[in-house]
């Protein structure tokens, strides 16, 4: 695990030992949020404009959920929805866990 380069998504144990490196593409991946069932992680990929991605905790099924300008993803308690905000203007949005049904709250 490289602590000096771009920030990536990884799973570590409570001692800080690397269990699995989930992303490693040289682009900052930030603000991860793990689903309540522990099967998925949503995070912001810091390209020119933030984009929301979802990945399974086993490293499979990396999926882009938003087109850009999207930051700070978080799961709803039931795991069916993802909240996020837009960089400009600052509004709270919600979308289904597959990235569909986006709407402003």
Protein backbone atom coordinates (compact mmCIF):
# COMPACT_ATOMS: atom_id res chain seq x y z
CA UNK A 1 0.00 0.00 0.00
CA UNK A 2 1.48 3.32 -1.12
CA UNK A 3 0.78 6.16 1.32
CA UNK A 4 2.51 8.79 -0.83
CA UNK A 5 0.66 8.51 -4.15
CA UNK A 6 -2.97 8.91 -5.07
CA UNK A 7 -5.49 7.80 -2.45
CA UNK A 8 -7.04 4.42 -3.27
CA UNK A 9 -9.72 2.19 -1.73
CA UNK A 10 -8.39 -0.70 0.35
CA UNK A 11 -9.58 -3.00 3.10
CA UNK A 12 -7.33 -3.15 6.15
CA UNK A 13 -7.60 -4.95 9.46
CA UNK A 14 -7.72 -3.23 12.84
CA UNK A 15 -3.90 -3.32 13.05
CA UNK A 16 -3.57 -1.46 9.74
CA UNK A 17 -2.47 -4.49 7.72
CA UNK A 18 -3.60 -4.58 4.09
CA UNK A 19 -6.26 -7.21 3.42
CA UNK A 20 -7.24 -6.20 -0.13
CA UNK A 21 -6.42 -3.33 -2.49
CA UNK A 22 -9.70 -2.56 -4.31
CA UNK A 23 -8.64 0.34 -6.54
CA UNK A 24 -5.25 1.19 -7.98
CA UNK A 25 -5.62 3.42 -11.00
CA UNK A 26 -3.58 6.47 -10.00
CA UNK A 27 -6.67 8.64 -9.46
CA UNK A 28 -7.68 9.80 -5.98
CA UNK A 29 -10.56 7.71 -4.59
CA UNK A 30 -11.99 9.39 -1.48
CA UNK A 31 -14.95 9.50 0.91
CA UNK A 32 -15.70 5.75 0.98
CA UNK A 33 -18.88 4.49 2.63
CA UNK A 34 -19.53 0.78 3.27
CA UNK A 35 -23.08 -0.53 2.88
CA UNK A 36 -24.77 -1.86 6.03
CA UNK A 37 -24.55 -5.44 4.73
CA UNK A 38 -20.79 -5.00 4.15
CA UNK A 39 -21.00 -6.06 0.50
CA UNK A 40 -20.53 -2.73 -1.32
CA UNK A 41 -18.55 0.49 -1.03
CA UNK A 42 -19.50 3.79 -2.64
CA UNK A 43 -16.82 6.44 -3.06
CA UNK A 44 -15.92 9.58 -4.92
CA UNK A 45 -13.37 9.35 -7.72
CA UNK A 46 -11.64 12.72 -7.96
CA UNK A 47 -11.37 13.28 -11.68
CA UNK A 48 -11.77 16.81 -13.07
CA UNK A 49 -15.17 16.75 -11.39
CA UNK A 50 -16.11 14.25 -8.69
CA UNK A 51 -17.90 11.09 -9.77
CA UNK A 52 -19.58 8.48 -7.58
CA UNK A 53 -18.59 4.83 -8.02
CA UNK A 54 -19.66 1.59 -6.34
CA UNK A 55 -17.47 -1.49 -5.92
CA UNK A 56 -18.09 -4.80 -4.20
CA UNK A 57 -15.89 -5.42 -1.16
CA UNK A 58 -14.33 -8.37 -3.00
CA UNK A 59 -13.04 -5.89 -5.63
CA UNK A 60 -15.49 -6.87 -8.38
CA UNK A 61 -18.12 -4.87 -10.23
CA UNK A 62 -16.64 -1.38 -10.25
CA UNK A 63 -19.58 0.73 -11.50
CA UNK A 64 -19.83 4.46 -12.18
CA UNK A 65 -23.08 5.80 -10.70
CA UNK A 66 -22.84 9.51 -11.56
CA UNK A 67 -21.49 11.55 -14.45
CA UNK A 68 -19.69 14.25 -12.55
CA UNK A 69 -19.84 17.11 -10.07
CA UNK A 70 -20.95 14.55 -7.42
CA UNK A 71 -19.30 14.26 -4.00
CA UNK A 72 -19.70 12.81 -0.49
CA UNK A 73 -21.67 9.60 -1.12
CA UNK A 74 -23.28 7.76 1.77
CA UNK A 75 -25.65 4.80 2.13
CA UNK A 76 -29.18 4.94 3.47
CA UNK A 77 -29.70 2.67 6.51
CA UNK A 78 -31.66 0.14 4.40
CA UNK A 79 -28.90 0.00 1.75
CA UNK A 80 -31.26 0.77 -1.13
CA UNK A 81 -30.34 4.43 -1.61
CA UNK A 82 -27.22 6.57 -1.83
CA UNK A 83 -27.18 10.21 -0.81
CA UNK A 84 -24.66 12.59 -2.33
CA UNK A 85 -24.18 16.28 -2.94
CA UNK A 86 -23.24 18.36 -5.94
CA UNK A 87 -20.11 20.51 -5.83
CA UNK A 88 -21.99 23.48 -7.28
CA UNK A 89 -24.66 24.37 -6.47
CA UNK A 90 -24.60 22.57 -3.11
CA UNK A 91 -27.76 20.47 -2.98
CA UNK A 92 -28.37 17.06 -1.42
CA UNK A 93 -29.42 14.38 -3.90
CA UNK A 94 -30.49 10.76 -3.60
CA UNK A 95 -30.24 7.88 -6.08
CA UNK A 96 -30.98 4.18 -6.01
CA UNK A 97 -28.03 1.89 -5.34
CA UNK A 98 -27.72 1.16 -9.07
CA UNK A 99 -27.40 4.89 -9.89
CA UNK A 100 -30.91 5.33 -11.28
CA UNK A 101 -33.81 7.44 -9.96
CA UNK A 102 -31.66 10.49 -9.12
CA UNK A 103 -33.55 13.34 -7.51
CA UNK A 104 -32.84 16.39 -5.40
CA UNK A 105 -34.03 16.38 -1.80
